[in-house]
């Protein structure tokens, strides 16, 4: 029961990120911007940030559904532990993967979100400042859950964010049987 608030906060962050990733793809398409072009990507992210609102989120949520884009939550639970996966059917782009890997690595060095935020602000870090990923890592550390049980991976055209919480030593993590996790080289 003590993990309910932590799990809720982490899931909310992951679902919002998954939905935004899908919506961002549509936004880029509608503005004739290539996700593969560095210049278009930077321009598109700037436009997306300026345009984003609750109304836009609802509008693009409907567009995502119409185009078959989704963000799904899958729960597995037994006496050994819990496994939650947030899956969306758009793969992370290379530049997003690099950024995410750097943010996760930085977040591992912190135990306090305010400290992480201040350091990011001082270094001029912009896009979201990695607060969501840092929040997840810091919350897990606060619950004495090894952050290695949080993983983001790519399987085909899907991005999967997985959180595993072991309740016993008999818990078997899926992480050793995964596709390519974020951070492994792409060839």
N, C-alpha and C. Protein backbone atom coordinates (compact mmCIF):
# COMPACT_ATOMS: atom_id res chain seq x y z
N UNK A 1 0.82 -1.20 0.00
CA UNK A 1 0.00 0.00 0.00
C UNK A 1 0.87 1.26 0.00
N UNK A 2 2.02 1.20 0.64
CA UNK A 2 2.87 2.39 0.71
C UNK A 2 3.42 2.78 -0.66
N UNK A 3 3.41 1.85 -1.60
CA UNK A 3 3.94 2.13 -2.94
C UNK A 3 2.90 2.72 -3.89
N UNK A 4 1.64 2.78 -3.46
CA UNK A 4 0.57 3.23 -4.36
C UNK A 4 0.84 4.61 -4.92
N UNK A 5 1.20 5.56 -4.08
CA UNK A 5 1.42 6.93 -4.54
C UNK A 5 2.63 7.01 -5.47
N UNK A 6 3.68 6.29 -5.14
CA UNK A 6 4.87 6.28 -5.99
C UNK A 6 4.54 5.67 -7.35
N UNK A 7 3.87 4.54 -7.33
CA UNK A 7 3.50 3.86 -8.58
C UNK A 7 2.58 4.74 -9.42
N UNK A 8 1.61 5.38 -8.78
CA UNK A 8 0.70 6.28 -9.50
C UNK A 8 1.47 7.42 -10.16
N UNK A 9 2.36 8.05 -9.43
CA UNK A 9 3.13 9.18 -9.96
C UNK A 9 3.99 8.75 -11.14
N UNK A 10 4.66 7.61 -11.01
CA UNK A 10 5.51 7.11 -12.09
C UNK A 10 4.68 6.76 -13.31
N UNK A 11 3.56 6.06 -13.11
CA UNK A 11 2.70 5.69 -14.23
C UNK A 11 2.13 6.90 -14.94
N UNK A 12 1.71 7.88 -14.17
CA UNK A 12 1.17 9.10 -14.77
C UNK A 12 2.22 9.76 -15.66
N UNK A 13 3.44 9.86 -15.18
CA UNK A 13 4.54 10.45 -15.96
C UNK A 13 4.78 9.66 -17.24
N UNK A 14 4.82 8.34 -17.14
CA UNK A 14 5.10 7.50 -18.31
C UNK A 14 3.97 7.55 -19.34
N UNK A 15 2.73 7.56 -18.88
CA UNK A 15 1.59 7.63 -19.80
C UNK A 15 1.55 8.98 -20.51
N UNK A 16 1.76 10.05 -19.77
CA UNK A 16 1.80 11.38 -20.39
C UNK A 16 2.89 11.44 -21.45
N UNK A 17 4.08 10.92 -21.12
CA UNK A 17 5.18 10.92 -22.09
C UNK A 17 4.85 10.09 -23.33
N UNK A 18 4.23 8.93 -23.13
CA UNK A 18 3.85 8.08 -24.26
C UNK A 18 2.83 8.74 -25.16
N UNK A 19 1.83 9.36 -24.57
CA UNK A 19 0.80 10.06 -25.35
C UNK A 19 1.40 11.26 -26.09
N UNK A 20 2.25 12.01 -25.41
CA UNK A 20 2.89 13.16 -26.06
C UNK A 20 3.77 12.73 -27.22
N UNK A 21 4.44 11.60 -27.09
CA UNK A 21 5.29 11.11 -28.19
C UNK A 21 4.44 10.84 -29.43
N UNK A 22 3.28 10.22 -29.24
CA UNK A 22 2.38 9.96 -30.36
C UNK A 22 1.86 11.27 -30.95
N UNK A 23 1.45 12.18 -30.08
CA UNK A 23 0.90 13.45 -30.54
C UNK A 23 1.95 14.28 -31.27
N UNK A 24 3.18 14.21 -30.79
CA UNK A 24 4.27 14.96 -31.42
C UNK A 24 4.49 14.48 -32.85
N UNK A 25 4.37 13.17 -33.09
CA UNK A 25 4.53 12.64 -34.45
C UNK A 25 3.50 13.26 -35.40
N UNK A 26 2.27 13.35 -34.94
CA UNK A 26 1.19 13.93 -35.76
C UNK A 26 1.45 15.41 -35.98
N UNK A 27 1.85 16.11 -34.93
CA UNK A 27 2.15 17.55 -35.02
C UNK A 27 3.21 17.80 -36.08
N UNK A 28 4.27 17.02 -36.06
CA UNK A 28 5.35 17.19 -37.05
C UNK A 28 4.82 16.94 -38.46
N UNK A 29 4.03 15.90 -38.61
CA UNK A 29 3.45 15.55 -39.91
C UNK A 29 2.60 16.71 -40.43
N UNK A 30 1.75 17.25 -39.58
CA UNK A 30 0.85 18.34 -39.99
C UNK A 30 1.60 19.63 -40.33
N UNK A 31 2.78 19.78 -39.78
CA UNK A 31 3.58 20.98 -40.05
C UNK A 31 4.68 20.72 -41.07
N UNK A 32 4.56 19.59 -41.77
CA UNK A 32 5.52 19.20 -42.81
C UNK A 32 6.97 19.27 -42.32
N UNK A 33 7.19 18.76 -41.13
CA UNK A 33 8.52 18.73 -40.54
C UNK A 33 8.99 17.28 -40.45
N UNK A 34 10.23 17.06 -40.79
CA UNK A 34 10.80 15.72 -40.75
C UNK A 34 11.38 15.45 -39.36
N UNK A 35 10.99 14.32 -38.80
CA UNK A 35 11.55 13.92 -37.51
C UNK A 35 13.02 13.52 -37.65
N UNK A 36 13.43 13.20 -38.86
CA UNK A 36 14.80 12.74 -39.11
C UNK A 36 15.79 13.88 -39.30
N UNK A 37 15.29 15.07 -39.66
CA UNK A 37 16.15 16.23 -39.90
C UNK A 37 16.40 16.95 -38.58
N UNK A 38 17.67 17.18 -38.26
CA UNK A 38 18.01 17.86 -37.00
C UNK A 38 17.38 19.25 -36.94
N UNK A 39 17.46 19.99 -38.05
CA UNK A 39 16.90 21.35 -38.09
C UNK A 39 15.39 21.32 -37.92
N UNK A 40 14.72 20.43 -38.67
CA UNK A 40 13.27 20.30 -38.54
C UNK A 40 12.88 19.86 -37.13
N UNK A 41 13.65 18.94 -36.57
CA UNK A 41 13.34 18.43 -35.24
C UNK A 41 13.40 19.56 -34.21
N UNK A 42 14.47 20.34 -34.25
CA UNK A 42 14.61 21.45 -33.29
C UNK A 42 13.50 22.47 -33.48
N UNK A 43 13.21 22.81 -34.74
CA UNK A 43 12.13 23.76 -35.03
C UNK A 43 10.78 23.19 -34.56
N UNK A 44 10.54 21.92 -34.85
CA UNK A 44 9.28 21.28 -34.47
C UNK A 44 9.08 21.21 -32.98
N UNK A 45 10.13 20.89 -32.25
CA UNK A 45 10.04 20.83 -30.78
C UNK A 45 9.69 22.20 -30.22
N UNK A 46 10.34 23.23 -30.75
CA UNK A 46 10.06 24.60 -30.30
C UNK A 46 8.60 24.98 -30.58
N UNK A 47 8.13 24.69 -31.79
CA UNK A 47 6.73 24.98 -32.15
C UNK A 47 5.77 24.18 -31.27
N UNK A 48 6.08 22.91 -31.06
CA UNK A 48 5.23 22.02 -30.27
C UNK A 48 5.10 22.55 -28.84
N UNK A 49 6.22 22.94 -28.24
CA UNK A 49 6.20 23.47 -26.88
C UNK A 49 5.34 24.72 -26.77
N UNK A 50 5.47 25.61 -27.76
CA UNK A 50 4.71 26.86 -27.74
C UNK A 50 3.22 26.61 -27.93
N UNK A 51 2.88 25.62 -28.75
CA UNK A 51 1.48 25.36 -29.10
C UNK A 51 0.77 24.48 -28.08
N UNK A 52 1.51 23.74 -27.28
CA UNK A 52 0.89 22.73 -26.43
C UNK A 52 -0.03 23.34 -25.39
N UNK A 53 -1.21 22.74 -25.25
CA UNK A 53 -2.21 23.15 -24.25
C UNK A 53 -3.10 21.95 -23.96
N UNK A 54 -3.96 22.07 -22.97
CA UNK A 54 -4.91 21.00 -22.66
C UNK A 54 -5.82 20.73 -23.85
N UNK A 55 -6.28 21.82 -24.48
CA UNK A 55 -7.17 21.69 -25.64
C UNK A 55 -6.45 20.93 -26.76
N UNK A 56 -5.20 21.30 -27.00
CA UNK A 56 -4.42 20.63 -28.03
C UNK A 56 -4.22 19.15 -27.69
N UNK A 57 -3.97 18.86 -26.42
CA UNK A 57 -3.78 17.47 -25.99
C UNK A 57 -5.02 16.64 -26.31
N UNK A 58 -6.20 17.19 -26.04
CA UNK A 58 -7.44 16.48 -26.35
C UNK A 58 -7.62 16.29 -27.85
N UNK A 59 -7.37 17.34 -28.60
CA UNK A 59 -7.49 17.29 -30.06
C UNK A 59 -6.53 16.26 -30.65
N UNK A 60 -5.29 16.29 -30.22
CA UNK A 60 -4.29 15.36 -30.76
C UNK A 60 -4.48 13.95 -30.20
N UNK A 61 -5.09 13.85 -29.04
CA UNK A 61 -5.44 12.53 -28.51
C UNK A 61 -6.43 11.84 -29.43
N UNK A 62 -7.43 12.60 -29.89
CA UNK A 62 -8.41 12.06 -30.84
C UNK A 62 -7.75 11.70 -32.16
N UNK A 63 -6.86 12.57 -32.64
CA UNK A 63 -6.15 12.30 -33.89
C UNK A 63 -5.29 11.04 -33.76
N UNK A 64 -4.68 10.87 -32.61
CA UNK A 64 -3.85 9.68 -32.38
C UNK A 64 -4.71 8.42 -32.49
N UNK A 65 -5.86 8.45 -31.85
CA UNK A 65 -6.76 7.29 -31.89
C UNK A 65 -7.19 7.00 -33.32
N UNK A 66 -7.55 8.06 -34.07
CA UNK A 66 -7.98 7.90 -35.46
C UNK A 66 -6.88 7.29 -36.33
N UNK A 67 -5.62 7.57 -36.00
CA UNK A 67 -4.49 7.06 -36.79
C UNK A 67 -3.93 5.74 -36.25
N UNK A 68 -4.59 5.21 -35.25
CA UNK A 68 -4.16 3.93 -34.71
C UNK A 68 -2.97 4.01 -33.77
N UNK A 69 -2.65 5.21 -33.30
CA UNK A 69 -1.57 5.36 -32.33
C UNK A 69 -2.15 5.18 -30.93
N UNK A 70 -1.43 4.50 -30.08
CA UNK A 70 -1.96 4.24 -28.75
C UNK A 70 -0.88 4.32 -27.69
N UNK A 71 -1.34 4.40 -26.46
CA UNK A 71 -0.50 4.29 -25.28
C UNK A 71 -1.27 3.36 -24.34
N UNK A 72 -0.68 2.23 -24.03
CA UNK A 72 -1.39 1.18 -23.30
C UNK A 72 -0.61 0.83 -22.02
N UNK A 73 -1.34 0.50 -20.98
CA UNK A 73 -0.72 0.07 -19.72
C UNK A 73 -1.01 -1.41 -19.52
N UNK A 74 0.03 -2.17 -19.20
CA UNK A 74 -0.11 -3.60 -18.95
C UNK A 74 0.42 -3.90 -17.55
N UNK A 75 -0.41 -4.54 -16.72
CA UNK A 75 -0.02 -4.89 -15.36
C UNK A 75 0.15 -6.40 -15.24
N UNK A 76 1.19 -6.83 -14.54
CA UNK A 76 1.35 -8.22 -14.13
C UNK A 76 1.66 -8.17 -12.64
N UNK A 77 0.97 -9.01 -11.87
CA UNK A 77 1.12 -8.94 -10.43
C UNK A 77 0.98 -10.34 -9.84
N UNK A 78 1.88 -10.67 -8.94
CA UNK A 78 1.72 -11.88 -8.14
C UNK A 78 2.45 -11.67 -6.82
N UNK A 79 2.54 -12.71 -6.00
CA UNK A 79 3.15 -12.55 -4.68
C UNK A 79 4.64 -12.23 -4.74
N UNK A 80 5.27 -12.48 -5.89
CA UNK A 80 6.71 -12.23 -6.03
C UNK A 80 7.02 -10.77 -6.40
N UNK A 81 6.05 -10.10 -7.06
CA UNK A 81 6.29 -8.72 -7.46
C UNK A 81 5.27 -8.20 -8.45
N UNK A 82 5.51 -6.99 -8.89
CA UNK A 82 4.61 -6.35 -9.85
C UNK A 82 5.45 -5.87 -11.04
N UNK A 83 4.85 -5.97 -12.20
CA UNK A 83 5.49 -5.48 -13.42
C UNK A 83 4.45 -4.64 -14.16
N UNK A 84 4.83 -3.41 -14.48
CA UNK A 84 3.94 -2.51 -15.20
C UNK A 84 4.67 -2.04 -16.44
N UNK A 85 4.01 -2.13 -17.58
CA UNK A 85 4.59 -1.64 -18.82
C UNK A 85 3.67 -0.60 -19.44
N UNK A 86 4.26 0.50 -19.87
CA UNK A 86 3.54 1.51 -20.63
C UNK A 86 4.10 1.42 -22.04
N UNK A 87 3.22 1.06 -22.98
CA UNK A 87 3.64 0.80 -24.36
C UNK A 87 2.98 1.80 -25.29
N UNK A 88 3.78 2.42 -26.15
CA UNK A 88 3.18 3.21 -27.23
C UNK A 88 3.79 2.73 -28.54
N UNK A 89 3.01 2.87 -29.61
CA UNK A 89 3.43 2.29 -30.88
C UNK A 89 4.13 3.28 -31.80
N UNK A 90 5.00 4.08 -31.21
CA UNK A 90 5.95 4.88 -31.99
C UNK A 90 7.32 4.68 -31.35
N UNK A 91 8.28 4.29 -32.15
CA UNK A 91 9.63 4.06 -31.65
C UNK A 91 10.31 5.40 -31.37
N UNK A 92 11.16 5.40 -30.39
CA UNK A 92 11.93 6.59 -30.06
C UNK A 92 12.93 6.88 -31.17
N UNK A 93 13.07 8.14 -31.50
CA UNK A 93 14.05 8.55 -32.51
C UNK A 93 15.44 8.53 -31.90
N UNK A 94 16.45 8.41 -32.75
CA UNK A 94 17.84 8.34 -32.28
C UNK A 94 18.19 9.54 -31.39
N UNK A 95 17.84 10.78 -31.82
CA UNK A 95 18.19 11.94 -31.01
C UNK A 95 17.44 11.95 -29.68
N UNK A 96 16.22 11.41 -29.66
CA UNK A 96 15.47 11.32 -28.40
C UNK A 96 16.11 10.27 -27.49
N UNK A 97 16.57 9.19 -28.09
CA UNK A 97 17.21 8.14 -27.31
C UNK A 97 18.49 8.64 -26.66
N UNK A 98 19.30 9.35 -27.42
CA UNK A 98 20.55 9.90 -26.88
C UNK A 98 20.24 10.84 -25.71
N UNK A 99 19.28 11.73 -25.90
CA UNK A 99 18.89 12.67 -24.86
C UNK A 99 18.37 11.94 -23.62
N UNK A 100 17.53 10.94 -23.83
CA UNK A 100 16.96 10.19 -22.72
C UNK A 100 18.05 9.44 -21.95
N UNK A 101 18.98 8.85 -22.67
CA UNK A 101 20.08 8.12 -22.03
C UNK A 101 20.90 9.06 -21.14
N UNK A 102 21.19 10.27 -21.67
CA UNK A 102 21.96 11.25 -20.89
C UNK A 102 21.20 11.68 -19.64
N UNK A 103 19.89 11.90 -19.79
CA UNK A 103 19.08 12.33 -18.65
C UNK A 103 18.99 11.24 -17.58
N UNK A 104 18.83 9.99 -18.01
CA UNK A 104 18.78 8.89 -17.04
C UNK A 104 20.11 8.77 -16.31
N UNK A 105 21.19 8.88 -17.03
CA UNK A 105 22.53 8.79 -16.43
C UNK A 105 22.72 9.90 -15.39
N UNK A 106 22.34 11.13 -15.76
CA UNK A 106 22.46 12.26 -14.82
C UNK A 106 21.59 12.04 -13.59
N UNK A 107 20.36 11.57 -13.82
CA UNK A 107 19.41 11.39 -12.72
C UNK A 107 19.91 10.39 -11.69
N UNK A 108 20.68 9.40 -12.14
CA UNK A 108 21.18 8.37 -11.21
C UNK A 108 22.08 8.98 -10.13
N UNK A 109 22.66 10.14 -10.40
CA UNK A 109 23.55 10.77 -9.43
C UNK A 109 22.86 11.63 -8.40
N UNK A 110 21.54 11.69 -8.43
CA UNK A 110 20.80 12.58 -7.52
C UNK A 110 19.84 11.80 -6.64
N UNK A 111 19.58 12.35 -5.46
CA UNK A 111 18.57 11.81 -4.56
C UNK A 111 17.49 12.84 -4.27
N UNK A 112 17.63 14.02 -4.87
CA UNK A 112 16.71 15.12 -4.60
C UNK A 112 16.35 15.80 -5.92
N UNK A 113 15.06 15.91 -6.20
CA UNK A 113 14.59 16.48 -7.46
C UNK A 113 14.95 17.95 -7.60
N UNK A 114 14.85 18.70 -6.51
CA UNK A 114 15.17 20.14 -6.57
C UNK A 114 16.64 20.34 -6.93
N UNK A 115 17.50 19.53 -6.37
CA UNK A 115 18.93 19.61 -6.67
C UNK A 115 19.18 19.31 -8.15
N UNK A 116 18.52 18.28 -8.66
CA UNK A 116 18.65 17.92 -10.07
C UNK A 116 18.18 19.08 -10.96
N UNK A 117 17.03 19.63 -10.63
CA UNK A 117 16.46 20.73 -11.42
C UNK A 117 17.40 21.94 -11.45
N UNK A 118 17.92 22.31 -10.30
CA UNK A 118 18.81 23.48 -10.22
C UNK A 118 20.07 23.26 -11.05
N UNK A 119 20.62 22.07 -10.97
CA UNK A 119 21.83 21.76 -11.76
C UNK A 119 21.52 21.84 -13.26
N UNK A 120 20.37 21.33 -13.67
CA UNK A 120 19.98 21.37 -15.08
C UNK A 120 19.77 22.82 -15.53
N UNK A 121 19.11 23.60 -14.71
CA UNK A 121 18.85 25.00 -15.05
C UNK A 121 20.17 25.77 -15.17
N UNK A 122 21.10 25.50 -14.27
CA UNK A 122 22.40 26.19 -14.28
C UNK A 122 23.20 25.82 -15.53
N UNK A 123 23.00 24.60 -16.03
CA UNK A 123 23.77 24.17 -17.20
C UNK A 123 23.07 24.55 -18.51
N UNK A 124 21.89 25.19 -18.41
CA UNK A 124 21.18 25.65 -19.61
C UNK A 124 20.37 24.56 -20.29
N UNK A 125 20.18 23.43 -19.62
CA UNK A 125 19.38 22.33 -20.18
C UNK A 125 17.95 22.81 -20.35
N UNK A 126 17.35 22.50 -21.51
CA UNK A 126 16.02 23.02 -21.78
C UNK A 126 14.95 21.94 -21.82
N UNK A 127 14.86 21.18 -22.89
CA UNK A 127 13.69 20.34 -23.15
C UNK A 127 13.26 19.49 -21.96
N UNK A 128 12.31 20.01 -21.19
CA UNK A 128 11.75 19.29 -20.07
C UNK A 128 12.74 19.12 -18.92
N UNK A 129 13.98 19.47 -19.16
CA UNK A 129 15.07 19.36 -18.19
C UNK A 129 15.19 17.96 -17.61
N UNK A 130 14.58 16.95 -18.23
CA UNK A 130 14.70 15.58 -17.76
C UNK A 130 14.04 15.34 -16.42
N UNK A 131 13.16 16.26 -16.02
CA UNK A 131 12.55 16.15 -14.70
C UNK A 131 11.73 14.88 -14.52
N UNK A 132 11.02 14.47 -15.55
CA UNK A 132 10.20 13.26 -15.44
C UNK A 132 11.03 12.03 -15.16
N UNK A 133 12.10 11.86 -15.92
CA UNK A 133 12.98 10.71 -15.72
C UNK A 133 13.68 10.80 -14.37
N UNK A 134 14.12 12.00 -14.00
CA UNK A 134 14.77 12.18 -12.70
C UNK A 134 13.77 11.88 -11.58
N UNK A 135 12.54 12.33 -11.73
CA UNK A 135 11.51 12.07 -10.73
C UNK A 135 11.35 10.56 -10.52
N UNK A 136 11.28 9.82 -11.60
CA UNK A 136 11.11 8.37 -11.51
C UNK A 136 12.28 7.74 -10.76
N UNK A 137 13.49 8.07 -11.17
CA UNK A 137 14.68 7.50 -10.54
C UNK A 137 14.74 7.87 -9.05
N UNK A 138 14.48 9.13 -8.73
CA UNK A 138 14.55 9.59 -7.35
C UNK A 138 13.45 8.96 -6.49
N UNK A 139 12.24 8.82 -7.04
CA UNK A 139 11.17 8.15 -6.30
C UNK A 139 11.52 6.70 -6.01
N UNK A 140 12.08 6.02 -7.00
CA UNK A 140 12.47 4.62 -6.79
C UNK A 140 13.54 4.51 -5.70
N UNK A 141 14.53 5.38 -5.76
CA UNK A 141 15.57 5.37 -4.73
C UNK A 141 14.96 5.62 -3.35
N UNK A 142 14.00 6.55 -3.28
CA UNK A 142 13.34 6.87 -2.02
C UNK A 142 12.57 5.70 -1.44
N UNK A 143 12.09 4.82 -2.30
CA UNK A 143 11.37 3.61 -1.86
C UNK A 143 12.32 2.42 -1.70
N UNK A 144 13.63 2.68 -1.87
CA UNK A 144 14.66 1.65 -1.80
C UNK A 144 14.45 0.55 -2.84
N UNK A 145 14.02 0.98 -4.03
CA UNK A 145 13.89 0.08 -5.18
C UNK A 145 15.03 0.43 -6.13
N UNK A 146 15.79 -0.56 -6.49
CA UNK A 146 16.93 -0.34 -7.39
C UNK A 146 16.41 0.21 -8.72
N UNK A 147 16.91 1.38 -9.15
CA UNK A 147 16.46 1.96 -10.42
C UNK A 147 16.71 1.07 -11.64
N UNK A 148 17.52 0.03 -11.50
CA UNK A 148 17.72 -0.89 -12.63
C UNK A 148 16.41 -1.60 -12.99
N UNK A 149 15.44 -1.57 -12.09
CA UNK A 149 14.14 -2.17 -12.37
C UNK A 149 13.24 -1.26 -13.21
N UNK A 150 13.73 -0.08 -13.52
CA UNK A 150 13.04 0.81 -14.45
C UNK A 150 13.81 0.78 -15.75
N UNK A 151 13.11 0.53 -16.84
CA UNK A 151 13.78 0.38 -18.12
C UNK A 151 12.91 0.90 -19.25
N UNK A 152 13.55 1.52 -20.21
CA UNK A 152 12.86 1.94 -21.43
C UNK A 152 13.54 1.21 -22.57
N UNK A 153 12.75 0.54 -23.39
CA UNK A 153 13.33 -0.22 -24.48
C UNK A 153 12.51 -0.07 -25.75
N UNK A 154 13.13 -0.47 -26.83
CA UNK A 154 12.50 -0.40 -28.15
C UNK A 154 12.35 -1.82 -28.66
N UNK A 155 11.13 -2.16 -29.07
CA UNK A 155 10.87 -3.45 -29.70
C UNK A 155 10.11 -3.17 -30.98
N UNK A 156 10.80 -3.26 -32.10
CA UNK A 156 10.18 -2.95 -33.39
C UNK A 156 9.75 -1.50 -33.42
N UNK A 157 8.46 -1.27 -33.69
CA UNK A 157 7.95 0.10 -33.75
C UNK A 157 7.33 0.55 -32.43
N UNK A 158 7.64 -0.16 -31.35
CA UNK A 158 7.07 0.17 -30.05
C UNK A 158 8.15 0.66 -29.09
N UNK A 159 7.74 1.58 -28.23
CA UNK A 159 8.58 2.00 -27.11
C UNK A 159 7.90 1.49 -25.85
N UNK A 160 8.66 0.81 -25.02
CA UNK A 160 8.12 0.22 -23.80
C UNK A 160 8.86 0.78 -22.60
N UNK A 161 8.11 1.36 -21.68
CA UNK A 161 8.67 1.80 -20.40
C UNK A 161 8.19 0.79 -19.36
N UNK A 162 9.13 0.13 -18.73
CA UNK A 162 8.77 -0.93 -17.79
C UNK A 162 9.29 -0.62 -16.39
N UNK A 163 8.43 -0.84 -15.43
CA UNK A 163 8.82 -0.74 -14.02
C UNK A 163 8.51 -2.08 -13.37
N UNK A 164 9.51 -2.64 -12.72
CA UNK A 164 9.33 -3.88 -11.98
C UNK A 164 9.61 -3.60 -10.51
N UNK A 165 8.76 -4.14 -9.65
CA UNK A 165 8.95 -3.97 -8.21
C UNK A 165 8.92 -5.36 -7.58
N UNK A 166 10.10 -5.86 -7.20
CA UNK A 166 10.14 -7.18 -6.59
C UNK A 166 9.64 -7.14 -5.14
N UNK A 167 8.87 -8.16 -4.77
CA UNK A 167 8.41 -8.30 -3.39
C UNK A 167 9.20 -9.39 -2.67
N UNK A 168 9.91 -10.23 -3.45
CA UNK A 168 10.68 -11.32 -2.85
C UNK A 168 11.92 -11.60 -3.70
N UNK A 169 12.80 -12.43 -3.16
CA UNK A 169 14.01 -12.81 -3.89
C UNK A 169 13.70 -13.74 -5.05
N UNK A 170 12.51 -14.31 -5.08
CA UNK A 170 12.12 -15.21 -6.17
C UNK A 170 11.62 -14.47 -7.41
N UNK A 171 11.50 -13.16 -7.31
CA UNK A 171 11.02 -12.36 -8.45
C UNK A 171 11.99 -12.50 -9.62
N UNK A 172 11.44 -12.74 -10.81
CA UNK A 172 12.26 -12.85 -12.02
C UNK A 172 12.01 -11.63 -12.90
N UNK A 173 13.05 -10.86 -13.11
CA UNK A 173 12.95 -9.68 -13.95
C UNK A 173 12.96 -10.08 -15.42
N UNK A 174 12.20 -9.34 -16.22
CA UNK A 174 12.19 -9.57 -17.67
C UNK A 174 13.35 -8.88 -18.36
N UNK A 175 14.09 -8.05 -17.63
CA UNK A 175 15.09 -7.21 -18.28
C UNK A 175 16.18 -7.99 -19.00
N UNK A 176 16.45 -9.22 -18.57
CA UNK A 176 17.48 -10.01 -19.23
C UNK A 176 17.00 -10.65 -20.53
N UNK A 177 15.71 -10.53 -20.81
CA UNK A 177 15.13 -11.16 -22.00
C UNK A 177 14.58 -10.13 -22.97
N UNK A 178 14.95 -8.88 -22.79
CA UNK A 178 14.39 -7.78 -23.57
C UNK A 178 15.00 -7.66 -24.95
N UNK A 179 14.32 -6.81 -25.73
CA UNK A 179 14.90 -6.33 -26.98
C UNK A 179 15.96 -5.30 -26.62
N UNK A 180 16.23 -4.39 -27.50
CA UNK A 180 17.28 -3.40 -27.29
C UNK A 180 16.81 -2.32 -26.32
N UNK A 181 17.42 -2.25 -25.12
CA UNK A 181 17.05 -1.18 -24.19
C UNK A 181 17.66 0.15 -24.61
N UNK A 182 17.07 1.21 -24.14
CA UNK A 182 17.62 2.54 -24.38
C UNK A 182 19.05 2.55 -23.86
N UNK A 183 19.93 3.04 -24.68
CA UNK A 183 21.32 3.14 -24.26
C UNK A 183 22.23 2.18 -24.98
N UNK A 184 21.69 1.08 -25.53
CA UNK A 184 22.54 0.20 -26.32
C UNK A 184 22.72 0.79 -27.70
N UNK A 185 23.85 0.52 -28.30
CA UNK A 185 24.15 1.07 -29.62
C UNK A 185 23.16 0.59 -30.66
N UNK A 186 22.82 1.49 -31.56
CA UNK A 186 21.93 1.19 -32.68
C UNK A 186 22.80 1.00 -33.90
N UNK A 187 22.71 -0.15 -34.56
CA UNK A 187 23.49 -0.40 -35.78
C UNK A 187 22.59 -0.77 -36.91
